[in-house]
Amino acid sequence: MDARLTPEQHQLRAAAARLADDLGPRSVLDLDDTDRIDRLEKAVEATGWRRLRSDGASGVEVALVVEEFGRGLVDVPLLGPVLADDLAPGISASTVVVDGVARDARGMRRGVFTEDDRVLAAALGPLLPAADLTRHSASVTGPPDQVATLTAESPARRRALALVATTADLLGTSRGAHALAVDYARVREQYGKPIGSYQAVAHLLAEALALIEGSVSVLRHAAWAVDELPPEEAVRAARIAKLYCARAARTVCETAIQVHGGIGNTWECLAHVYLRRALTSIELFPVSLEEITVGHGDAVGEAGRGLS
């Protein structure tokens, strides 16, 4: 495995980072800025990134874009439409349905899910209340139509991509929350010094950074495995990455709140928005430690579950 990114992948990542920095929310109040959201929606739609898989993108390239969007708290759909595109290319304005609920559904018209070897699409109803302030769910309404048929290895391969995509979002939220905490630690002074100069705070941030670096390594391997390893091995690598990054992201986001002190527990601080997004991604295609220790045969049997 060559873990280095190609020049094209570096450019893709840089473009996603610029878009997230330019149009992502800079404050909690920005989450209600409809003009900004409209501009962000037009920009994301123009990139074509919601159709990454049908355009031939690898698992690594999907992970790079999703990671940067998580870091910037991008609050228009990407992850859901990317997974829907992987299931049923060509279904416009669609998002993935998990456990009967359409995820990442703002502005989407159809939900895509699997049933046995069939890929189905159904109309979406109103948006539902959710803990995640940057991504919205919707109910599924009306009878579904079959839009595609799965091949023998499709469920496992798509499960691996779904796990990798949510793991990439977790890594992005970790990076964003950590950067927020570091910036605060540089400017917030106590006893005449920035709080980041005190070991109690510096050690917390250093430990969080170590978790992020570990997350980068395990995610890069899992993203590469989506297309390069047999389906059952790709699923196993993705499960390990999801479990590690889920625990790391929760710790990093909670550390960001702790570094902010009392301000971190207020609505106005963005730290809780990162934590909300991380907790939602943890519960999307969740992985338990028991799943990591099961045999390969059991892993393959379970691989196709969840995209319904």
Protein backbone atom coordinates (compact mmCIF):
# COMPACT_ATOMS: atom_id res chain seq x y z
CA MET A 1 0.00 0.00 0.00
CA ASP A 2 1.26 3.46 -0.96
CA ALA A 3 -0.34 5.87 1.52
CA ARG A 4 0.88 8.99 -0.27
CA LEU A 5 -1.71 11.14 -2.00
CA THR A 6 -1.35 11.83 -5.71
CA PRO A 7 -1.07 15.43 -6.97
CA GLU A 8 -4.68 15.21 -8.16
CA GLN A 9 -5.81 14.05 -4.70
CA HIS A 10 -3.93 16.90 -3.05
CA GLN A 11 -5.75 19.32 -5.37
CA LEU A 12 -9.11 17.73 -4.59
CA ARG A 13 -8.49 18.02 -0.88
CA ALA A 14 -7.36 21.64 -1.21
CA ALA A 15 -10.47 22.53 -3.23
CA ALA A 16 -12.76 20.92 -0.64
CA ALA A 17 -10.92 22.74 2.15
CA ARG A 18 -11.27 26.12 0.40
CA LEU A 19 -14.99 25.63 -0.13
CA ALA A 20 -15.50 24.62 3.50
CA ASP A 21 -13.47 27.58 4.77
CA ASP A 22 -15.15 30.10 2.48
CA LEU A 23 -18.79 29.09 2.93
CA GLY A 24 -18.98 26.87 6.02
CA PRO A 25 -20.46 28.34 9.23
CA ARG A 26 -18.07 30.43 11.32
CA SER A 27 -20.47 30.71 14.25
CA VAL A 28 -23.64 29.11 15.58
CA LEU A 29 -25.62 32.09 14.23
CA ASP A 30 -24.35 31.29 10.73
CA LEU A 31 -26.31 28.04 10.82
CA ASP A 32 -29.46 30.12 10.30
CA ASP A 33 -28.02 32.27 7.50
CA THR A 34 -30.14 31.20 4.52
CA ASP A 35 -28.19 33.33 2.04
CA ARG A 36 -24.94 31.61 3.02
CA ILE A 37 -26.59 28.17 2.83
CA ASP A 38 -27.97 28.92 -0.63
CA ARG A 39 -24.53 29.97 -1.86
CA LEU A 40 -22.99 26.89 -0.27
CA GLU A 41 -25.57 24.61 -1.86
CA LYS A 42 -24.93 26.07 -5.33
CA ALA A 43 -21.18 25.75 -4.86
CA VAL A 44 -21.35 22.10 -3.74
CA GLU A 45 -23.75 21.19 -6.55
CA ALA A 46 -21.45 22.82 -9.09
CA THR A 47 -18.47 20.72 -7.96
CA GLY A 48 -20.21 17.46 -8.81
CA TRP A 49 -18.79 15.90 -5.64
CA ARG A 50 -22.12 14.31 -4.79
CA ARG A 51 -21.51 12.04 -7.78
CA LEU A 52 -17.95 11.13 -6.89
CA ARG A 53 -18.37 7.37 -7.11
CA SER A 54 -20.25 7.31 -10.40
CA ASP A 55 -17.57 9.64 -11.77
CA GLY A 56 -14.94 7.02 -10.90
CA ALA A 57 -13.57 8.43 -7.63
CA SER A 58 -11.81 6.04 -5.26
CA GLY A 59 -12.62 5.49 -1.61
CA VAL A 60 -9.61 7.65 -0.73
CA GLU A 61 -10.96 10.56 -2.77
CA VAL A 62 -14.42 10.27 -1.23
CA ALA A 63 -12.84 10.27 2.23
CA LEU A 64 -10.76 13.37 1.49
CA VAL A 65 -13.77 15.48 0.52
CA VAL A 66 -15.98 14.20 3.35
CA GLU A 67 -13.18 14.84 5.87
CA GLU A 68 -12.77 18.48 4.83
CA PHE A 69 -16.52 19.03 4.92
CA GLY A 70 -16.63 17.62 8.45
CA ARG A 71 -13.76 19.87 9.51
CA GLY A 72 -15.60 22.92 8.18
CA LEU A 73 -19.03 21.86 9.50
CA VAL A 74 -20.40 22.13 5.96
CA ASP A 75 -24.17 22.14 6.45
CA VAL A 76 -25.52 21.06 3.06
CA PRO A 77 -25.74 17.38 2.01
CA LEU A 78 -22.70 15.49 0.81
CA LEU A 79 -22.21 12.22 2.67
CA GLY A 80 -25.78 11.00 2.11
CA PRO A 81 -25.86 11.81 -1.61
CA VAL A 82 -22.41 10.24 -2.16
CA LEU A 83 -23.60 6.96 -0.63
CA ALA A 84 -26.86 7.12 -2.60
CA ASP A 85 -24.87 7.69 -5.79
CA ASP A 86 -22.78 4.61 -4.99
CA LEU A 87 -25.98 2.56 -4.66
CA ALA A 88 -27.90 4.00 -7.60
CA PRO A 89 -25.96 6.26 -9.98
CA GLY A 90 -28.06 8.75 -11.89
CA ILE A 91 -30.80 9.34 -9.31
CA SER A 92 -30.65 13.12 -8.92
CA ALA A 93 -31.28 14.92 -5.61
CA SER A 94 -31.16 11.67 -3.66
CA THR A 95 -29.68 10.67 -0.32
CA VAL A 96 -29.14 7.41 1.53
CA VAL A 97 -31.76 5.87 3.83
CA VAL A 98 -30.51 4.15 6.99
CA ASP A 99 -32.86 2.35 9.38
CA GLY A 100 -35.88 3.79 7.60
CA VAL A 101 -34.75 7.42 7.84
CA ALA A 102 -33.22 9.50 5.04
CA ARG A 103 -29.95 11.02 6.25
CA ASP A 104 -28.31 14.26 5.12
CA ALA A 105 -31.61 15.16 3.47
CA ARG A 106 -31.89 18.95 3.27
CA GLY A 107 -33.01 19.80 -0.26
CA MET A 108 -33.07 16.15 -1.35
CA ARG A 109 -36.17 14.70 -3.02
CA ARG A 110 -35.62 10.92 -2.93
CA GLY A 111 -34.17 8.39 -0.51
CA VAL A 112 -32.25 5.33 -1.73
CA PHE A 113 -31.98 2.07 0.20
CA THR A 114 -31.54 -1.67 -0.27
CA GLU A 115 -33.87 -4.58 0.28
CA ASP A 116 -32.36 -8.02 -0.36
CA ASP A 117 -30.64 -7.65 -3.74
CA ARG A 118 -32.77 -4.71 -4.87
CA VAL A 119 -31.96 -1.00 -4.69
CA LEU A 120 -35.11 1.05 -4.07
CA ALA A 121 -35.88 4.77 -4.16
CA ALA A 122 -38.79 6.57 -2.48
CA ALA A 123 -39.98 10.16 -2.09
CA LEU A 124 -39.00 12.10 1.03
CA GLY A 125 -41.26 13.91 3.45
CA PRO A 126 -40.55 16.88 5.74
CA LEU A 127 -37.28 17.30 7.59
CA LEU A 128 -37.16 15.84 11.11
CA PRO A 129 -35.74 17.39 14.29
CA ALA A 130 -32.19 16.19 14.91
CA ALA A 131 -29.33 16.61 17.35
CA ASP A 132 -26.93 17.38 14.50
CA LEU A 133 -27.34 21.07 13.66
CA THR A 134 -25.46 20.74 10.34
CA ARG A 135 -27.18 17.74 8.76
CA HIS A 136 -30.89 16.97 8.66
CA SER A 137 -32.91 13.78 8.35
CA ALA A 138 -36.27 13.23 6.65
CA SER A 139 -39.03 10.68 6.66
CA VAL A 140 -39.63 8.38 3.71
CA THR A 141 -43.07 8.65 2.10
CA GLY A 142 -44.84 6.90 -0.73
CA PRO A 143 -44.20 3.51 -2.33
CA PRO A 144 -40.59 2.74 -3.36
CA ASP A 145 -39.51 1.97 -6.92
CA GLN A 146 -36.73 -0.43 -7.82
CA VAL A 147 -33.89 1.47 -9.48
CA ALA A 148 -31.02 -1.06 -9.51
CA THR A 149 -29.96 -4.59 -8.59
CA LEU A 150 -27.00 -5.48 -6.40
CA THR A 151 -24.27 -7.84 -7.53
CA ALA A 152 -22.88 -10.55 -5.25
CA GLU A 153 -20.07 -8.42 -3.79
CA SER A 154 -21.91 -5.09 -3.86
CA PRO A 155 -23.32 -5.13 -0.29
CA ALA A 156 -19.92 -5.65 1.34
CA ARG A 157 -18.11 -3.17 -0.88
CA ARG A 158 -20.76 -0.52 -0.30
CA ARG A 159 -20.81 -1.20 3.43
CA ALA A 160 -17.06 -0.58 3.49
CA LEU A 161 -17.51 2.74 1.69
CA ALA A 162 -20.31 3.78 4.06
CA LEU A 163 -18.14 3.05 7.09
CA VAL A 164 -15.17 4.87 5.56
CA ALA A 165 -17.26 7.92 4.67
CA THR A 166 -18.69 8.29 8.18
CA THR A 167 -15.21 7.69 9.61
CA ALA A 168 -13.83 10.46 7.40
CA ASP A 169 -16.50 12.80 8.76
CA LEU A 170 -15.42 11.87 12.28
CA LEU A 171 -11.80 12.66 11.48
CA GLY A 172 -12.86 15.99 9.99
CA THR A 173 -14.91 16.96 13.03
CA SER A 174 -11.98 16.00 15.26
CA ARG A 175 -9.65 18.25 13.29
CA GLY A 176 -12.13 21.12 13.30
CA ALA A 177 -12.84 20.87 17.03
CA HIS A 178 -9.13 20.66 17.83
CA ALA A 179 -8.33 23.72 15.69
CA LEU A 180 -11.13 25.62 17.44
CA ALA A 181 -9.68 24.73 20.85
CA VAL A 182 -6.10 25.59 19.83
CA ASP A 183 -7.17 29.00 18.52
CA TYR A 184 -9.03 29.71 21.76
CA ALA A 185 -6.08 28.58 23.88
CA ARG A 186 -3.84 31.06 22.05
CA VAL A 187 -6.01 34.12 22.71
CA ARG A 188 -7.70 33.39 26.05
CA GLU A 189 -5.52 34.71 28.85
CA GLN A 190 -5.48 33.81 32.52
CA TYR A 191 -3.07 35.37 35.02
CA GLY A 192 -1.60 37.40 32.18
CA LYS A 193 -0.69 34.45 29.96
CA PRO A 194 -2.48 32.54 27.19
CA ILE A 195 -4.05 29.43 28.70
CA GLY A 196 -2.28 27.33 26.06
CA SER A 197 1.01 28.08 27.80
CA TYR A 198 -0.08 26.10 30.86
CA GLN A 199 0.73 22.39 30.87
CA ALA A 200 -2.75 21.37 32.00
CA VAL A 201 -4.21 22.76 28.77
CA ALA A 202 -1.24 22.04 26.50
CA HIS A 203 -1.22 18.36 27.46
CA LEU A 204 -4.93 18.01 26.73
CA LEU A 205 -4.42 19.47 23.26
CA ALA A 206 -1.34 17.34 22.62
CA GLU A 207 -3.20 14.16 23.56
CA ALA A 208 -6.06 15.15 21.27
CA LEU A 209 -3.62 15.73 18.42
CA ALA A 210 -2.12 12.27 18.96
CA LEU A 211 -5.60 10.77 18.63
CA ILE A 212 -6.13 12.69 15.39
CA GLU A 213 -2.82 11.45 13.95
CA GLY A 214 -3.79 7.88 14.79
CA SER A 215 -7.16 8.44 13.14
CA VAL A 216 -5.48 9.68 9.95
CA SER A 217 -3.41 6.49 9.68
CA VAL A 218 -6.21 4.02 10.28
CA LEU A 219 -8.62 5.88 7.99
CA ARG A 220 -6.15 6.13 5.11
CA HIS A 221 -5.70 2.36 5.12
CA ALA A 222 -9.46 1.71 5.29
CA ALA A 223 -10.17 4.17 2.48
CA TRP A 224 -7.52 2.53 0.29
CA ALA A 225 -8.94 -0.92 1.13
CA VAL A 226 -12.41 -0.03 -0.23
CA ASP A 227 -11.20 -0.51 -3.80
CA GLU A 228 -7.98 -2.48 -3.40
CA LEU A 229 -8.76 -5.38 -1.04
CA PRO A 230 -11.34 -8.19 -1.23
CA PRO A 231 -14.76 -7.04 0.09
CA GLU A 232 -14.57 -8.88 3.41
CA GLU A 233 -11.12 -7.46 4.16
CA ALA A 234 -12.27 -3.96 3.16
CA VAL A 235 -15.20 -4.22 5.58
CA ARG A 236 -12.92 -5.39 8.38
CA ALA A 237 -10.49 -2.51 7.81
CA ALA A 238 -13.39 -0.05 7.72
CA ARG A 239 -14.84 -1.41 10.96
CA ILE A 240 -11.52 -1.05 12.76
CA ALA A 241 -11.17 2.51 11.47
CA LYS A 242 -14.72 3.43 12.47
CA LEU A 243 -14.32 2.06 15.99
CA TYR A 244 -10.99 3.82 16.57
CA CYS A 245 -12.05 7.14 15.06
CA ALA A 246 -15.41 7.12 16.84
CA ARG A 247 -13.76 6.91 20.23
CA ALA A 248 -11.09 9.41 19.25
CA ALA A 249 -13.58 11.95 17.87
CA ARG A 250 -15.70 11.90 20.99
CA THR A 251 -12.63 12.44 23.17
CA VAL A 252 -11.27 15.25 20.97
CA CYS A 253 -14.62 17.07 20.80
CA GLU A 254 -15.15 16.78 24.56
CA THR A 255 -11.60 18.04 25.08
CA ALA A 256 -12.39 21.08 22.92
CA ILE A 257 -15.33 21.89 25.17
CA GLN A 258 -13.18 21.42 28.27
CA VAL A 259 -10.45 23.74 26.94
CA HIS A 260 -13.07 26.44 26.38
CA GLY A 261 -14.05 26.21 30.05
CA GLY A 262 -17.44 27.70 30.93
CA ILE A 263 -17.82 29.22 27.47
CA GLY A 264 -17.61 25.74 25.97
CA ASN A 265 -20.92 24.86 27.61
CA THR A 266 -22.79 27.76 26.04
CA TRP A 267 -24.92 27.70 22.89
CA GLU A 268 -22.82 30.39 21.23
CA CYS A 269 -19.64 28.29 21.20
CA LEU A 270 -19.18 26.12 18.08
CA ALA A 271 -17.62 23.31 20.14
CA HIS A 272 -20.98 21.69 20.85
CA VAL A 273 -21.84 21.74 17.12
CA TYR A 274 -18.74 19.63 16.45
CA LEU A 275 -19.66 17.24 19.25
CA ARG A 276 -23.24 16.90 17.97
CA ARG A 277 -21.99 16.11 14.47
CA ALA A 278 -19.49 13.58 15.78
CA LEU A 279 -22.07 11.78 17.91
CA THR A 280 -24.40 11.54 14.91
CA SER A 281 -21.66 10.07 12.70
CA ILE A 282 -20.76 7.59 15.44
CA GLU A 283 -24.33 6.27 15.44
CA LEU A 284 -24.52 6.14 11.64
CA PHE A 285 -23.41 2.60 10.71
CA PRO A 286 -22.21 1.95 14.27
CA VAL A 287 -19.51 -0.63 15.00
CA SER A 288 -19.01 -2.56 18.23
CA LEU A 289 -15.82 -4.16 19.52
CA GLU A 290 -17.46 -7.59 19.14
CA GLU A 291 -17.71 -7.07 15.38
CA ILE A 292 -13.96 -6.61 15.14
CA THR A 293 -13.27 -9.98 16.76
CA VAL A 294 -15.70 -12.13 14.75
CA GLY A 295 -14.45 -14.39 11.97
CA HIS A 296 -14.29 -13.25 8.38
CA GLY A 297 -17.27 -15.38 7.45
CA ASP A 298 -19.49 -13.67 10.00
CA ALA A 299 -18.19 -10.27 8.90
CA VAL A 300 -19.19 -10.90 5.30
CA GLY A 301 -22.64 -12.08 6.33
CA GLU A 302 -23.25 -8.86 8.23
CA ALA A 303 -21.62 -6.56 5.69
CA GLY A 304 -24.68 -5.69 3.67
CA ARG A 305 -26.84 -4.65 6.59
CA GLY A 306 -27.63 -1.05 7.39
CA LEU A 307 -28.31 0.60 4.01
CA SER A 308 -32.05 0.13 4.41
